Every structure is written in C-alpha cells, then in structure tokens.
Amino acid sequence: MKKIIQILLILFFSASFAQSKNSDLEEARKFVEESLNNKTAHNVIVKKTSQHLLEKQTIIKIAEATLFQIYGKENILRQKPYKTYRINNFWLIEGTLQEGFKGGVFQIIIDDRTGEIKRITHGK
C-alpha cells in the first residue's frame, strides 16, 4: 500500500511539474510572438539607432560563439590575432593567417546596433 501511495505522489508531482514547465514555455512563446509582431513597442534595437551599442569585446564574443560552432574552436583560435574594423554601424572581424600556414581566414560582419550577423565567409 505504501508503494502505491508513493507512486501516486510521484506521478502527481511529476504531472504538476510538467504542466508548470509547459505553461512557462507557452507564456514565453506568447511573449516572443507578441513582441516581434508589435511594431509600435519601444525597442531601441528594432528602431535601428545610429548609436554604436555593442563594443569591440562584445562583438568578438558574438563572432567567436558563432564561428566556433561552424568552423571549430581550435581553427578559429589559430587565426588570432583578429583584425577588427568598425565601418559605419558594422564590425568586420577577420582572422589572421599564421606564417607558414596555407589556406584562408574567416570574415564576419556584425551590425553593432543589433548584434545581427550579416555575413560569414571563410577562405580556402
């Protein structure tokens, strides 16, 4: 009898936990949908401010996180030191080809107002 009560309690709490996780997910989904569809809501990034919001170190972290997934962490880190250029509201980050190596380097363009990646390439 004790075992049955324990199992029922576990099932009850598991179901309650699953419902709360689903409820949270649904609330999050609703917030994202409403936020992205409401063009009148105040959002400095959507309005494309002309101000530079993201600094060089933040842009490099965004670039590395993306490039590591695509080309591998070791490959990208071998291309240090990175060359970084701010041109208007965009950052161009390029790898450096180490002496004695053949091949190409990555290039990534990131909007410094939004953090949006506009282009990624890697030479051969």
C-alpha atoms as a PDB file:
ATOM      1  CA  MET A   1       0.000   0.000   0.000  1.00  0.00           C
ATOM      2  CA  LYS A   2       2.853   2.368   0.860  1.00  0.00           C
ATOM      3  CA  LYS A   3       4.400   1.743  -2.544  1.00  0.00           C
ATOM      4  CA  ILE A   4       1.148   2.637  -4.316  1.00  0.00           C
ATOM      5  CA  ILE A   5       0.827   5.889  -2.358  1.00  0.00           C
ATOM      6  CA  GLN A   6       4.463   6.760  -3.128  1.00  0.00           C
ATOM      7  CA  ILE A   7       3.956   6.077  -6.834  1.00  0.00           C
ATOM      8  CA  LEU A   8       0.761   8.156  -6.878  1.00  0.00           C
ATOM      9  CA  LEU A   9       2.528  11.056  -5.150  1.00  0.00           C
ATOM     10  CA  ILE A  10       5.425  10.885  -7.601  1.00  0.00           C
ATOM     11  CA  LEU A  11       3.019  10.828 -10.542  1.00  0.00           C
ATOM     12  CA  PHE A  12       1.053  13.750  -9.141  1.00  0.00           C
ATOM     13  CA  PHE A  13       4.137  15.929  -8.579  1.00  0.00           C
ATOM     14  CA  SER A  14       5.626  14.929 -11.940  1.00  0.00           C
ATOM     15  CA  ALA A  15       2.429  15.933 -13.717  1.00  0.00           C
ATOM     16  CA  SER A  16       2.299  19.235 -11.827  1.00  0.00           C
ATOM     17  CA  PHE A  17       5.926  19.989 -12.696  1.00  0.00           C
ATOM     18  CA  ALA A  18       5.398  19.115 -16.363  1.00  0.00           C
ATOM     19  CA  GLN A  19       2.321  21.365 -16.517  1.00  0.00           C
ATOM     20  CA  SER A  20       4.215  24.287 -14.996  1.00  0.00           C
ATOM     21  CA  LYS A  21       7.092  23.798 -17.482  1.00  0.00           C
ATOM     22  CA  ASN A  22       4.614  23.685 -20.368  1.00  0.00           C
ATOM     23  CA  SER A  23       2.822  26.732 -19.011  1.00  0.00           C
ATOM     24  CA  ASP A  24       6.118  28.655 -18.750  1.00  0.00           C
ATOM     25  CA  LEU A  25       7.043  27.632 -22.278  1.00  0.00           C
ATOM     26  CA  GLU A  26       3.677  28.773 -23.596  1.00  0.00           C
ATOM     27  CA  GLU A  27       3.988  32.119 -21.805  1.00  0.00           C
ATOM     28  CA  ALA A  28       7.477  32.573 -23.224  1.00  0.00           C
ATOM     29  CA  ARG A  29       6.265  31.667 -26.718  1.00  0.00           C
ATOM     30  CA  LYS A  30       3.385  34.151 -26.410  1.00  0.00           C
ATOM     31  CA  PHE A  31       5.730  36.932 -25.242  1.00  0.00           C
ATOM     32  CA  VAL A  32       8.139  36.358 -28.153  1.00  0.00           C
ATOM     33  CA  GLU A  33       5.348  36.283 -30.738  1.00  0.00           C
ATOM     34  CA  GLU A  34       3.659  39.408 -29.384  1.00  0.00           C
ATOM     35  CA  SER A  35       6.945  41.285 -29.033  1.00  0.00           C
ATOM     36  CA  LEU A  36       8.081  40.503 -32.556  1.00  0.00           C
ATOM     37  CA  ASN A  37       4.712  41.300 -34.086  1.00  0.00           C
ATOM     38  CA  ASN A  38       4.168  44.606 -32.239  1.00  0.00           C
ATOM     39  CA  LYS A  39       5.983  47.163 -34.376  1.00  0.00           C
ATOM     40  CA  THR A  40       4.898  50.067 -32.149  1.00  0.00           C
ATOM     41  CA  ALA A  41       6.531  48.778 -28.953  1.00  0.00           C
ATOM     42  CA  HIS A  42       9.527  50.784 -27.788  1.00  0.00           C
ATOM     43  CA  ASN A  43      12.657  48.860 -28.700  1.00  0.00           C
ATOM     44  CA  VAL A  44      15.826  50.749 -29.469  1.00  0.00           C
ATOM     45  CA  ILE A  45      17.348  47.842 -31.406  1.00  0.00           C
ATOM     46  CA  VAL A  46      14.383  47.319 -33.732  1.00  0.00           C
ATOM     47  CA  LYS A  47      14.305  51.047 -34.432  1.00  0.00           C
ATOM     48  CA  LYS A  48      17.902  50.780 -35.662  1.00  0.00           C
ATOM     49  CA  THR A  49      19.505  53.515 -33.655  1.00  0.00           C
ATOM     50  CA  SER A  50      22.517  55.138 -35.248  1.00  0.00           C
ATOM     51  CA  GLN A  51      24.389  54.811 -31.967  1.00  0.00           C
ATOM     52  CA  HIS A  52      27.001  52.123 -31.519  1.00  0.00           C
ATOM     53  CA  LEU A  53      25.560  49.881 -28.826  1.00  0.00           C
ATOM     54  CA  LEU A  54      27.974  46.979 -28.864  1.00  0.00           C
ATOM     55  CA  GLU A  55      31.651  47.445 -28.153  1.00  0.00           C
ATOM     56  CA  LYS A  56      34.564  45.578 -29.709  1.00  0.00           C
ATOM     57  CA  GLN A  57      34.910  42.906 -26.999  1.00  0.00           C
ATOM     58  CA  THR A  58      31.202  42.078 -27.128  1.00  0.00           C
ATOM     59  CA  ILE A  59      31.283  41.812 -30.916  1.00  0.00           C
ATOM     60  CA  ILE A  60      34.289  39.472 -30.736  1.00  0.00           C
ATOM     61  CA  LYS A  61      32.421  37.227 -28.284  1.00  0.00           C
ATOM     62  CA  ILE A  62      29.416  37.105 -30.630  1.00  0.00           C
ATOM     63  CA  ALA A  63      31.706  36.312 -33.558  1.00  0.00           C
ATOM     64  CA  GLU A  64      33.617  33.598 -31.698  1.00  0.00           C
ATOM     65  CA  ALA A  65      30.481  31.905 -30.372  1.00  0.00           C
ATOM     66  CA  THR A  66      29.132  31.637 -33.906  1.00  0.00           C
ATOM     67  CA  LEU A  67      32.409  30.787 -35.644  1.00  0.00           C
ATOM     68  CA  PHE A  68      33.324  28.092 -33.099  1.00  0.00           C
ATOM     69  CA  GLN A  69      30.095  26.265 -33.943  1.00  0.00           C
ATOM     70  CA  ILE A  70      30.646  26.484 -37.684  1.00  0.00           C
ATOM     71  CA  TYR A  71      34.410  26.050 -38.112  1.00  0.00           C
ATOM     72  CA  GLY A  72      35.582  24.639 -34.781  1.00  0.00           C
ATOM     73  CA  LYS A  73      37.102  26.428 -31.803  1.00  0.00           C
ATOM     74  CA  GLU A  74      40.700  25.370 -32.485  1.00  0.00           C
ATOM     75  CA  ASN A  75      40.541  26.510 -36.107  1.00  0.00           C
ATOM     76  CA  ILE A  76      39.254  29.971 -35.185  1.00  0.00           C
ATOM     77  CA  LEU A  77      41.613  30.475 -32.232  1.00  0.00           C
ATOM     78  CA  ARG A  78      44.570  29.672 -34.533  1.00  0.00           C
ATOM     79  CA  GLN A  79      43.540  32.739 -36.536  1.00  0.00           C
ATOM     80  CA  LYS A  80      44.344  35.161 -33.705  1.00  0.00           C
ATOM     81  CA  PRO A  81      45.123  37.977 -33.524  1.00  0.00           C
ATOM     82  CA  TYR A  82      41.864  39.033 -35.103  1.00  0.00           C
ATOM     83  CA  LYS A  83      41.721  42.135 -37.255  1.00  0.00           C
ATOM     84  CA  THR A  84      38.748  44.296 -36.291  1.00  0.00           C
ATOM     85  CA  TYR A  85      37.359  47.254 -38.175  1.00  0.00           C
ATOM     86  CA  ARG A  86      34.341  49.402 -37.332  1.00  0.00           C
ATOM     87  CA  ILE A  87      32.817  50.738 -40.524  1.00  0.00           C
ATOM     88  CA  ASN A  88      29.722  52.877 -40.043  1.00  0.00           C
ATOM     89  CA  ASN A  89      27.462  50.707 -37.866  1.00  0.00           C
ATOM     90  CA  PHE A  90      29.170  47.424 -38.689  1.00  0.00           C
ATOM     91  CA  TRP A  91      32.126  45.485 -37.404  1.00  0.00           C
ATOM     92  CA  LEU A  92      34.266  43.418 -39.750  1.00  0.00           C
ATOM     93  CA  ILE A  93      36.282  40.814 -37.888  1.00  0.00           C
ATOM     94  CA  GLU A  94      38.861  38.799 -39.805  1.00  0.00           C
ATOM     95  CA  GLY A  95      41.234  36.057 -38.836  1.00  0.00           C
ATOM     96  CA  THR A  96      44.971  36.283 -39.414  1.00  0.00           C
ATOM     97  CA  LEU A  97      46.707  33.578 -41.430  1.00  0.00           C
ATOM     98  CA  GLN A  98      49.688  32.452 -39.404  1.00  0.00           C
ATOM     99  CA  GLU A  99      53.067  32.388 -41.088  1.00  0.00           C
ATOM    100  CA  GLY A 100      53.770  29.056 -42.753  1.00  0.00           C
ATOM    101  CA  PHE A 101      50.106  28.074 -42.988  1.00  0.00           C
ATOM    102  CA  LYS A 102      48.189  27.706 -46.228  1.00  0.00           C
ATOM    103  CA  GLY A 103      44.524  28.406 -46.598  1.00  0.00           C
ATOM    104  CA  GLY A 104      42.196  31.244 -45.765  1.00  0.00           C
ATOM    105  CA  VAL A 105      40.710  33.038 -42.820  1.00  0.00           C
ATOM    106  CA  PHE A 106      37.225  33.804 -41.617  1.00  0.00           C
ATOM    107  CA  GLN A 107      35.476  37.106 -42.171  1.00  0.00           C
ATOM    108  CA  ILE A 108      32.343  38.044 -40.301  1.00  0.00           C
ATOM    109  CA  ILE A 109      30.287  41.246 -40.462  1.00  0.00           C
ATOM    110  CA  ILE A 110      28.134  42.133 -37.448  1.00  0.00           C
ATOM    111  CA  ASP A 111      25.723  45.045 -37.007  1.00  0.00           C
ATOM    112  CA  ASP A 112      26.893  46.790 -33.837  1.00  0.00           C
ATOM    113  CA  ARG A 113      23.426  48.197 -33.150  1.00  0.00           C
ATOM    114  CA  THR A 114      21.674  44.829 -33.076  1.00  0.00           C
ATOM    115  CA  GLY A 115      24.335  42.127 -32.872  1.00  0.00           C
ATOM    116  CA  GLU A 116      22.916  40.652 -36.076  1.00  0.00           C
ATOM    117  CA  ILE A 117      25.377  38.699 -38.177  1.00  0.00           C
ATOM    118  CA  LYS A 118      25.178  39.993 -41.725  1.00  0.00           C
ATOM    119  CA  ARG A 119      27.764  37.775 -43.418  1.00  0.00           C
ATOM    120  CA  ILE A 120      30.174  34.941 -42.650  1.00  0.00           C
ATOM    121  CA  THR A 121      32.805  33.627 -45.023  1.00  0.00           C
ATOM    122  CA  HIS A 122      35.943  31.544 -44.738  1.00  0.00           C
ATOM    123  CA  GLY A 123      38.546  31.482 -47.485  1.00  0.00           C
ATOM    124  CA  LYS A 124      40.173  28.264 -48.597  1.00  0.00           C
END
